[in-house]
């Protein structure tokens, strides 16, 4: 997907209050508006279920799903309205459970009205796979064509094709859409070539994108497949992959870690006290990439710090894997709460949460510990690690507000590992040195100081290649 700035730059600009009001009023009657926000290189898209305009106060209230991911109140938002594909940039005035308030914009960017929400991409950024359709030929007798995507909606595609493939995209011909990106569709979808024209610039033709083609989808693209494709976006490399490809763990140690993860998970799945949570996690794998990626990064970081401290053994490895997979288990049914890590995070997003969610967040460490205590085969001390996971050395953590003197060594390691994991997940350009500087100011005393000193002495930086 294009960057927010690139999307807006391709639109016409209007600061006419009359036109802005017209767009808002007409968009309020449609249900195709979306809101998005980009943080740490990842874009989250929020479908808007309702738009209410307060003309007197010059405010707009956008209704979102109550279970939507939490918005950052400090980052800008972008809104695309149904009428005339209008886009505007705004700042949250107020965030509440299931809705947000923004000021009526002074400037909008728009293009011609389309019946369907249509998303646009840079040249070469996204692709789809098509093949020409001939009723008398089998699918394996036809060429699969990977074509660059310009825009997409449920009922239409704009694609770039090379001169060599132009014969398959003549006006009136039919094609089959077989994959969005690298994800295959359940069945091929039939499309009809409506127009084809030469691309506008020499740079496009130099890239082999000689022709621009408009396709009408006779078989609409399923909304679920389209949403997954759009929300997936052009993602950066996964944090786990980048860590394992750095020099922090030897190939032999990585193999041992993988074996330990698989061995521990196999045992955990056989225990009734944990079955509910692990089943919820399996469901989340296809719905929420944050939690599963977070667990994987945390496992690697725990192992790295334990090796730095010379605390690695088969027993400690099992403990770290167990704690990483179970620390957010009470939140698996409420995944939007998982990114919140502290009282400060909670206060920042409190307006978007219900009283039930706030209560659940504060009790999550104890609930995770209770699950471990109910598991008679849980590793020793893992319950105390889970109950202390949100505590801080100065007593400002929760649920008990204990200080560093009462936080166990393994819990201290887990707390620091969680902090480093958050830094890795939140900023694709994170640096170990910057994180250590901040960590030294926050994690002081006892076991915390020893762990940070050891990390400071290690020459391996966890820096991405």
Protein backbone atom coordinates (compact mmCIF):
# COMPACT_ATOMS: atom_id res chain seq x y z
CA UNK A 1 0.00 0.00 0.00
CA UNK A 2 1.25 3.50 -0.69
CA UNK A 3 2.43 5.73 2.12
CA UNK A 4 -0.18 8.14 3.48
CA UNK A 5 1.66 11.11 1.95
CA UNK A 6 1.78 9.45 -1.47
CA UNK A 7 -1.93 8.69 -1.40
CA UNK A 8 -2.84 12.27 -0.53
CA UNK A 9 -0.47 13.78 -3.10
CA UNK A 10 -2.31 11.97 -5.92
CA UNK A 11 -5.64 13.65 -5.07
CA UNK A 12 -7.08 17.02 -5.96
CA UNK A 13 -7.17 19.50 -3.09
CA UNK A 14 -10.17 21.48 -1.92
CA UNK A 15 -10.53 23.94 0.98
CA UNK A 16 -14.05 25.00 0.01
CA UNK A 17 -16.20 24.78 3.13
CA UNK A 18 -19.27 24.24 0.99
CA UNK A 19 -17.66 21.30 -0.79
CA UNK A 20 -16.30 19.87 2.46
CA UNK A 21 -19.76 19.99 4.02
CA UNK A 22 -21.30 18.34 0.95
CA UNK A 23 -18.79 15.50 1.12
CA UNK A 24 -19.41 14.93 4.84
CA UNK A 25 -23.19 14.93 4.48
CA UNK A 26 -23.18 12.50 1.56
CA UNK A 27 -20.60 10.23 3.17
CA UNK A 28 -22.71 10.00 6.33
CA UNK A 29 -25.33 8.01 4.42
CA UNK A 30 -22.84 5.42 3.08
CA UNK A 31 -21.07 2.64 4.93
CA UNK A 32 -17.79 2.46 3.05
CA UNK A 33 -15.64 4.94 4.95
CA UNK A 34 -12.42 3.85 6.65
CA UNK A 35 -9.92 5.30 9.11
CA UNK A 36 -6.29 4.29 9.31
CA UNK A 37 -3.27 5.02 11.44
CA UNK A 38 0.37 4.11 10.92
CA UNK A 39 2.69 3.30 13.82
CA UNK A 40 6.21 1.86 13.60
CA UNK A 41 5.75 1.18 9.90
CA UNK A 42 2.56 -0.86 10.35
CA UNK A 43 -0.81 0.41 9.20
CA UNK A 44 -4.00 -0.47 11.01
CA UNK A 45 -7.27 0.01 9.13
CA UNK A 46 -10.55 0.64 10.98
CA UNK A 47 -13.87 0.36 9.07
CA UNK A 48 -16.18 3.26 9.99
CA UNK A 49 -19.68 1.98 10.76
CA UNK A 50 -21.29 5.40 11.15
CA UNK A 51 -20.42 9.07 10.61
CA UNK A 52 -22.19 11.86 12.49
CA UNK A 53 -21.60 15.51 11.66
CA UNK A 54 -21.96 18.27 14.26
CA UNK A 55 -22.10 21.40 12.11
CA UNK A 56 -22.33 23.85 15.02
CA UNK A 57 -19.18 22.54 16.74
CA UNK A 58 -17.48 21.62 13.46
CA UNK A 59 -16.81 18.10 14.71
CA UNK A 60 -17.22 14.64 13.21
CA UNK A 61 -17.92 11.52 15.27
CA UNK A 62 -16.78 8.28 13.65
CA UNK A 63 -18.20 5.03 15.01
CA UNK A 64 -15.83 2.05 15.00
CA UNK A 65 -16.16 -1.54 16.10
CA UNK A 66 -15.91 -1.74 19.93
CA UNK A 67 -13.27 -4.45 19.48
CA UNK A 68 -11.07 -2.43 17.11
CA UNK A 69 -7.37 -2.08 17.90
CA UNK A 70 -6.65 0.89 20.15
CA UNK A 71 -5.72 4.16 18.45
CA UNK A 72 -2.75 6.25 19.47
CA UNK A 73 -3.97 9.65 20.65
CA UNK A 74 -0.60 11.20 19.75
CA UNK A 75 -0.37 10.05 16.13
CA UNK A 76 -2.29 11.53 13.18
CA UNK A 77 -5.15 9.64 11.61
CA UNK A 78 -6.25 9.49 7.99
CA UNK A 79 -9.88 9.11 6.95
CA UNK A 80 -11.16 8.00 3.58
CA UNK A 81 -14.84 8.81 3.02
CA UNK A 82 -17.19 7.02 0.67
CA UNK A 83 -18.19 10.03 -1.43
CA UNK A 84 -15.68 11.03 -4.10
CA UNK A 85 -12.99 8.94 -2.38
CA UNK A 86 -12.32 11.90 -0.11
CA UNK A 87 -9.25 11.67 2.15
CA UNK A 88 -8.27 14.00 4.97
CA UNK A 89 -5.67 14.03 7.70
CA UNK A 90 -6.74 14.73 11.26
CA UNK A 91 -5.91 14.50 14.94
CA UNK A 92 -8.06 12.79 17.53
CA UNK A 93 -9.93 15.30 19.67
CA UNK A 94 -11.39 12.59 21.85
CA UNK A 95 -11.40 8.80 21.83
CA UNK A 96 -14.20 6.80 23.43
CA UNK A 97 -15.27 3.15 23.44
CA UNK A 98 -16.37 2.41 19.89
CA UNK A 99 -16.05 5.95 18.55
CA UNK A 100 -13.67 8.86 18.01
CA UNK A 101 -14.17 12.60 17.65
CA UNK A 102 -12.21 14.66 15.10
CA UNK A 103 -12.45 18.27 13.94
CA UNK A 104 -14.08 19.03 10.62
CA UNK A 105 -11.09 19.36 8.27
CA UNK A 106 -10.15 22.65 6.65
CA UNK A 107 -8.79 20.81 3.62
CA UNK A 108 -9.77 17.62 1.83
CA UNK A 109 -8.26 15.61 -1.01
CA UNK A 110 -10.56 13.89 -3.44
CA UNK A 111 -10.94 12.22 -6.79
CA UNK A 112 -13.86 11.06 -8.91
CA UNK A 113 -16.60 9.21 -7.08
CA UNK A 114 -16.53 5.41 -7.25
CA UNK A 115 -19.25 3.02 -6.15
CA UNK A 116 -16.75 0.80 -4.34
CA UNK A 117 -14.04 1.59 -1.87
CA UNK A 118 -10.85 1.33 -3.89
CA UNK A 119 -7.31 1.27 -2.53
CA UNK A 120 -4.25 2.40 -4.44
CA UNK A 121 -0.64 1.25 -4.55
CA UNK A 122 2.71 2.41 -5.89
CA UNK A 123 4.13 0.88 -9.04
CA UNK A 124 5.53 -2.53 -8.26
CA UNK A 125 4.49 -2.45 -4.60
CA UNK A 126 1.71 -5.05 -4.70
CA UNK A 127 0.82 -7.70 -7.22
CA UNK A 128 -1.91 -10.16 -8.15
CA UNK A 129 -1.76 -13.33 -10.19
CA UNK A 130 -4.04 -13.75 -13.19
CA UNK A 131 -4.41 -16.08 -16.13
CA UNK A 132 -6.31 -15.72 -19.40
CA UNK A 133 -9.67 -17.48 -19.46
CA UNK A 134 -10.53 -19.90 -22.27
CA UNK A 135 -13.46 -22.21 -21.60
CA UNK A 136 -12.02 -24.97 -23.83
CA UNK A 137 -8.62 -25.09 -22.12
CA UNK A 138 -7.62 -26.56 -18.76
CA UNK A 139 -6.07 -24.28 -16.15
CA UNK A 140 -2.71 -26.05 -16.42
CA UNK A 141 -2.61 -25.21 -20.13
CA UNK A 142 -2.76 -21.46 -19.45
CA UNK A 143 0.05 -19.13 -18.35
CA UNK A 144 -0.03 -17.60 -14.86
CA UNK A 145 0.71 -13.89 -15.09
CA UNK A 146 2.07 -11.97 -12.10
CA UNK A 147 0.98 -8.37 -12.71
CA UNK A 148 1.65 -5.18 -10.77
CA UNK A 149 -1.37 -3.75 -8.98
CA UNK A 150 -2.41 -0.12 -9.28
CA UNK A 151 -5.70 -0.24 -7.39
CA UNK A 152 -8.25 -2.75 -6.17
CA UNK A 153 -11.84 -2.98 -4.96
CA UNK A 154 -14.30 -5.84 -4.55
CA UNK A 155 -15.53 -5.34 -8.10
CA UNK A 156 -12.56 -4.06 -10.01
CA UNK A 157 -8.79 -4.04 -10.55
CA UNK A 158 -6.37 -1.62 -12.11
CA UNK A 159 -3.17 -3.40 -13.16
CA UNK A 160 0.04 -2.72 -15.04
CA UNK A 161 1.16 -5.24 -17.66
CA UNK A 162 4.16 -5.63 -19.91
CA UNK A 163 4.02 -5.32 -23.69
CA UNK A 164 4.58 -9.08 -24.00
CA UNK A 165 1.37 -9.81 -22.08
CA UNK A 166 -0.83 -7.24 -23.84
CA UNK A 167 -2.35 -9.92 -26.09
CA UNK A 168 -4.03 -11.50 -23.05
CA UNK A 169 -5.66 -8.22 -21.95
CA UNK A 170 -7.42 -6.95 -25.04
CA UNK A 171 -10.74 -5.20 -24.46
CA UNK A 172 -13.56 -7.73 -24.19
CA UNK A 173 -11.34 -10.63 -23.13
CA UNK A 174 -11.77 -12.50 -19.88
CA UNK A 175 -9.20 -13.28 -17.20
CA UNK A 176 -9.23 -15.28 -14.00
CA UNK A 177 -7.86 -13.83 -10.78
CA UNK A 178 -6.13 -16.67 -8.90
CA UNK A 179 -4.17 -14.94 -6.09
CA UNK A 180 -3.91 -11.68 -4.17
CA UNK A 181 -0.21 -11.22 -3.65
CA UNK A 182 1.16 -14.66 -2.75
CA UNK A 183 -2.11 -15.76 -1.11
CA UNK A 184 -4.18 -17.98 -3.35
CA UNK A 185 -7.94 -17.60 -3.55
CA UNK A 186 -10.34 -20.42 -2.69
CA UNK A 187 -11.39 -20.49 -6.36
CA UNK A 188 -10.48 -18.46 -9.47
CA UNK A 189 -12.56 -15.31 -9.94
CA UNK A 190 -13.69 -14.22 -13.38
CA UNK A 191 -12.93 -10.70 -14.62
CA UNK A 192 -13.63 -8.78 -17.83
CA UNK A 193 -11.16 -6.42 -19.56
CA UNK A 194 -12.92 -3.05 -19.88
CA UNK A 195 -10.09 -0.87 -21.17
CA UNK A 196 -6.35 -0.83 -21.87
CA UNK A 197 -4.11 2.17 -22.50
CA UNK A 198 -0.40 2.96 -22.70
CA UNK A 199 1.14 4.12 -19.43
CA UNK A 200 1.77 7.83 -19.04
CA UNK A 201 5.47 8.05 -18.29
CA UNK A 202 8.71 6.69 -19.70
CA UNK A 203 9.80 5.55 -16.22
CA UNK A 204 6.82 3.18 -16.04
CA UNK A 205 7.62 1.72 -19.44
CA UNK A 206 11.30 1.37 -18.49
CA UNK A 207 10.14 -0.85 -15.61
CA UNK A 208 8.26 -3.10 -18.02
CA UNK A 209 4.87 -1.63 -17.06
CA UNK A 210 3.91 -0.65 -20.58
CA UNK A 211 0.13 -0.82 -20.34
CA UNK A 212 -2.49 0.07 -17.75
CA UNK A 213 -5.56 -2.19 -17.73
CA UNK A 214 -8.97 -1.82 -16.12
CA UNK A 215 -10.71 -5.06 -15.12
CA UNK A 216 -14.30 -5.45 -14.00
CA UNK A 217 -14.69 -8.40 -11.63
CA UNK A 218 -17.71 -10.45 -12.67
CA UNK A 219 -17.07 -12.59 -9.58
CA UNK A 220 -16.59 -10.05 -6.75
CA UNK A 221 -13.51 -10.51 -4.59
CA UNK A 222 -14.64 -11.83 -1.17
CA UNK A 223 -14.54 -9.08 1.43
CA UNK A 224 -12.54 -11.23 3.87
CA UNK A 225 -9.86 -11.96 1.27
CA UNK A 226 -9.68 -8.31 0.25
CA UNK A 227 -9.48 -7.05 3.83
CA UNK A 228 -6.71 -9.52 4.64
CA UNK A 229 -4.80 -8.44 1.54
CA UNK A 230 -5.22 -4.71 2.20
CA UNK A 231 -4.53 -4.86 5.93
CA UNK A 232 -1.49 -7.02 5.40
CA UNK A 233 0.06 -4.26 3.35
CA UNK A 234 3.71 -4.17 2.35
CA UNK A 235 5.00 -5.26 5.74
CA UNK A 236 8.53 -4.97 6.88
CA UNK A 237 10.40 -8.10 7.66
CA UNK A 238 9.15 -9.84 10.78
CA UNK A 239 10.99 -8.91 13.95
CA UNK A 240 11.56 -12.57 14.86
CA UNK A 241 13.12 -13.36 11.49
CA UNK A 242 15.40 -10.34 11.70
CA UNK A 243 16.58 -11.27 15.21
CA UNK A 244 17.29 -14.88 14.33
CA UNK A 245 19.15 -13.80 11.21
CA UNK A 246 21.42 -11.51 13.25
CA UNK A 247 24.42 -12.73 15.22
CA UNK A 248 22.72 -12.92 18.64
CA UNK A 249 22.24 -16.70 18.60
CA UNK A 250 24.38 -19.30 16.87
CA UNK A 251 22.67 -21.63 14.39
CA UNK A 252 23.17 -24.46 16.88
CA UNK A 253 21.52 -22.47 19.65
CA UNK A 254 18.63 -21.49 17.36
CA UNK A 255 18.04 -25.17 16.60
CA UNK A 256 18.04 -25.95 20.30
CA UNK A 257 15.61 -23.08 20.95
CA UNK A 258 13.24 -24.32 18.24
CA UNK A 259 13.30 -27.83 19.66
CA UNK A 260 12.59 -26.48 23.16
CA UNK A 261 9.69 -24.33 21.95
CA UNK A 262 8.11 -27.27 20.15
CA UNK A 263 8.70 -29.63 23.09
CA UNK A 264 7.27 -27.22 25.67
CA UNK A 265 4.24 -26.34 23.54
CA UNK A 266 3.47 -30.00 22.93
CA UNK A 267 3.43 -30.60 26.68
CA UNK A 268 1.38 -27.46 27.36
CA UNK A 269 -1.32 -28.48 24.85
CA UNK A 270 -1.90 -31.68 26.79
CA UNK A 271 -2.75 -29.87 30.02
CA UNK A 272 -6.42 -29.03 30.68
CA UNK A 273 -5.57 -25.86 32.65
CA UNK A 274 -3.94 -24.34 29.53
CA UNK A 275 -6.03 -25.82 26.71
CA UNK A 276 -8.53 -22.93 26.54
CA UNK A 277 -5.81 -20.31 26.19
CA UNK A 278 -3.78 -22.18 23.59
CA UNK A 279 -6.91 -22.77 21.51
CA UNK A 280 -7.63 -19.03 21.62
CA UNK A 281 -4.04 -18.38 20.50
CA UNK A 282 -4.47 -20.69 17.51
CA UNK A 283 -7.54 -18.71 16.46
CA UNK A 284 -5.59 -15.46 16.86
CA UNK A 285 -2.83 -16.63 14.52
CA UNK A 286 -5.11 -15.94 11.58
CA UNK A 287 -6.61 -12.74 12.98
CA UNK A 288 -4.05 -10.76 15.00
CA UNK A 289 -0.39 -10.91 14.02
CA UNK A 290 0.74 -8.73 16.94
CA UNK A 291 0.23 -11.26 19.75
CA UNK A 292 1.84 -14.25 18.02
CA UNK A 293 4.79 -12.16 16.81
CA UNK A 294 5.15 -10.62 20.27
CA UNK A 295 5.37 -14.07 21.87
CA UNK A 296 8.01 -15.24 19.41
CA UNK A 297 10.18 -12.14 19.85
CA UNK A 298 9.85 -12.34 23.64
CA UNK A 299 10.99 -15.96 23.60
CA UNK A 300 14.12 -15.06 21.62
CA UNK A 301 14.89 -12.01 23.79
CA UNK A 302 14.46 -13.99 27.04
CA UNK A 303 16.86 -16.60 25.69
CA UNK A 304 19.38 -13.97 24.62
CA UNK A 305 19.39 -12.27 28.03
CA UNK A 306 19.54 -15.60 29.88
CA UNK A 307 22.56 -16.59 27.80
CA UNK A 308 24.15 -13.24 28.60
CA UNK A 309 23.64 -13.97 32.30
CA UNK A 310 24.78 -17.62 31.93
CA UNK A 311 21.34 -18.71 33.17
CA UNK A 312 20.60 -21.05 30.28
CA UNK A 313 19.62 -24.62 31.06
CA UNK A 314 16.93 -26.98 29.84
CA UNK A 315 14.80 -26.06 32.86
CA UNK A 316 15.19 -22.30 32.38
CA UNK A 317 14.48 -22.58 28.65
CA UNK A 318 11.19 -24.34 29.37
CA UNK A 319 10.36 -21.65 31.92
CA UNK A 320 10.94 -18.82 29.43
CA UNK A 321 8.91 -20.49 26.68
CA UNK A 322 6.07 -21.20 29.11
CA UNK A 323 6.07 -17.64 30.47
CA UNK A 324 6.25 -16.06 27.00
CA UNK A 325 3.25 -18.04 25.76
CA UNK A 326 1.17 -17.59 28.91
CA UNK A 327 1.94 -14.03 30.06
CA UNK A 328 -0.85 -12.46 27.96
CA UNK A 329 -3.12 -15.52 27.97
CA UNK A 330 -6.00 -13.78 29.84
CA UNK A 331 -6.02 -11.19 27.03
CA UNK A 332 -6.19 -13.61 24.11
CA UNK A 333 -9.96 -13.11 24.03
CA UNK A 334 -9.39 -9.32 24.11
CA UNK A 335 -6.38 -8.85 21.79
CA UNK A 336 -6.60 -5.06 21.61
CA UNK A 337 -5.50 -4.91 25.26
CA UNK A 338 -2.31 -6.90 24.69
CA UNK A 339 -0.15 -3.96 23.45
CA UNK A 340 -0.82 -2.03 26.70
CA UNK A 341 2.10 -2.53 29.06
CA UNK A 342 1.84 -0.07 31.96
CA UNK A 343 -0.41 2.20 33.97
CA UNK A 344 0.72 5.04 31.70
CA UNK A 345 -0.36 3.12 28.58
CA UNK A 346 -3.70 2.45 30.20
CA UNK A 347 -4.26 6.11 31.10
CA UNK A 348 -3.39 7.16 27.55
CA UNK A 349 -6.02 4.84 26.06
CA UNK A 350 -8.46 4.75 28.96
CA UNK A 351 -11.14 6.75 27.16
CA UNK A 352 -11.39 4.01 24.50
CA UNK A 353 -11.88 1.21 27.06
CA UNK A 354 -14.84 -0.09 28.97
CA UNK A 355 -14.78 -0.58 32.75
CA UNK A 356 -14.73 -4.34 32.16
CA UNK A 357 -11.64 -4.06 29.92
CA UNK A 358 -9.81 -1.89 32.46
CA UNK A 359 -10.53 -4.38 35.22
CA UNK A 360 -9.41 -7.26 33.00
CA UNK A 361 -6.13 -5.49 32.19
CA UNK A 362 -5.23 -4.93 35.85
CA UNK A 363 -6.05 -8.53 36.82
CA UNK A 364 -4.32 -10.16 33.82
CA UNK A 365 -0.98 -10.87 35.60
CA UNK A 366 -2.73 -12.62 38.48
CA UNK A 367 -5.05 -14.48 36.12
CA UNK A 368 -2.03 -15.74 34.13
CA UNK A 369 -0.37 -16.84 37.37
CA UNK A 370 -3.58 -18.67 38.43
CA UNK A 371 -3.54 -20.61 35.15
CA UNK A 372 0.05 -21.69 35.85
CA UNK A 373 -0.82 -22.65 39.45
CA UNK A 374 -3.69 -24.77 38.15
CA UNK A 375 -1.18 -26.62 35.96
CA UNK A 376 0.48 -29.17 38.22
CA UNK A 377 3.30 -29.65 35.69
CA UNK A 378 4.18 -25.96 35.29
CA UNK A 379 7.91 -25.14 35.70
CA UNK A 380 8.92 -23.99 39.20
CA UNK A 381 8.64 -20.25 39.84
CA UNK A 382 6.86 -19.54 36.55
CA UNK A 383 3.69 -18.48 38.40
CA UNK A 384 5.62 -15.81 40.32
CA UNK A 385 7.20 -14.60 37.04
CA UNK A 386 3.74 -14.21 35.56
CA UNK A 387 2.27 -12.44 38.59
CA UNK A 388 5.22 -9.98 38.68
CA UNK A 389 5.45 -9.33 34.92
CA UNK A 390 4.02 -5.77 35.16
CA UNK A 391 5.82 -4.76 38.37
CA UNK A 392 8.59 -2.11 38.31
CA UNK A 393 11.63 -1.64 40.54
CA UNK A 394 10.36 1.67 41.98
CA UNK A 395 6.99 0.21 43.00
CA UNK A 396 4.98 1.98 40.27
CA UNK A 397 3.94 -1.27 38.58
CA UNK A 398 0.95 -3.48 39.25
CA UNK A 399 -0.95 -5.44 40.51
CA UNK A 400 0.79 -5.13 43.92
CA UNK A 401 3.21 -2.23 43.43
CA UNK A 402 6.16 -4.13 44.92
CA UNK A 403 9.72 -2.79 44.61
CA UNK A 404 12.90 -4.35 43.24
CA UNK A 405 13.77 -5.87 46.63
CA UNK A 406 10.85 -8.30 46.32
CA UNK A 407 11.08 -9.03 42.59
CA UNK A 408 12.75 -12.39 41.90
CA UNK A 409 15.75 -12.71 39.53
CA UNK A 410 13.77 -14.60 36.88
CA UNK A 411 10.90 -12.10 37.09
CA UNK A 412 13.38 -9.22 36.72
CA UNK A 413 14.82 -10.86 33.60
CA UNK A 414 11.32 -11.35 32.18
CA UNK A 415 10.35 -7.72 32.88
CA UNK A 416 13.48 -6.41 31.16
CA UNK A 417 13.03 -8.85 28.25
CA UNK A 418 9.47 -7.59 27.83
CA UNK A 419 10.68 -3.99 27.70
CA UNK A 420 13.23 -4.81 25.03
CA UNK A 421 10.63 -6.79 23.09
CA UNK A 422 8.30 -3.77 23.10
CA UNK A 423 11.11 -1.59 21.71
CA UNK A 424 11.74 -4.08 18.91
CA UNK A 425 8.04 -4.38 18.07
CA UNK A 426 7.25 -0.66 18.18
CA UNK A 427 10.13 0.80 16.17
CA UNK A 428 11.58 -0.82 13.07
CA UNK A 429 14.66 1.41 13.48
CA UNK A 430 15.26 0.63 17.17
CA UNK A 431 18.81 0.55 18.52
CA UNK A 432 20.13 -1.41 21.47
CA UNK A 433 22.15 1.55 22.73
CA UNK A 434 19.11 3.83 22.83
CA UNK A 435 17.01 1.23 24.61
CA UNK A 436 19.75 0.59 27.19
CA UNK A 437 20.01 4.29 27.98
CA UNK A 438 16.29 4.47 28.72
CA UNK A 439 16.25 1.13 30.54
CA UNK A 440 19.02 2.18 32.92
CA UNK A 441 16.90 5.11 34.03
CA UNK A 442 13.86 2.93 34.64
CA UNK A 443 15.16 -0.41 35.89
CA UNK A 444 17.39 0.37 38.86
CA UNK A 445 18.53 -1.72 41.80
CA UNK A 446 19.13 -5.35 42.67
CA UNK A 447 18.75 -7.92 39.91
CA UNK A 448 17.69 -5.27 37.40
CA UNK A 449 21.02 -3.46 37.60
CA UNK A 450 22.97 -6.72 37.27
CA UNK A 451 21.07 -7.71 34.14
CA UNK A 452 21.50 -4.32 32.46
CA UNK A 453 25.23 -4.22 33.30
CA UNK A 454 25.64 -7.63 31.69
CA UNK A 455 23.77 -6.48 28.57
CA UNK A 456 25.89 -3.34 28.39
CA UNK A 457 29.05 -5.43 28.48
CA UNK A 458 27.95 -7.73 25.68
CA UNK A 459 29.37 -6.80 22.28
CA UNK A 460 26.42 -8.37 20.43
CA UNK A 461 23.98 -5.56 19.84
CA UNK A 462 20.87 -7.29 18.48
CA UNK A 463 21.18 -4.84 15.59
CA UNK A 464 19.24 -5.84 12.49
CA UNK A 465 21.20 -6.55 9.38
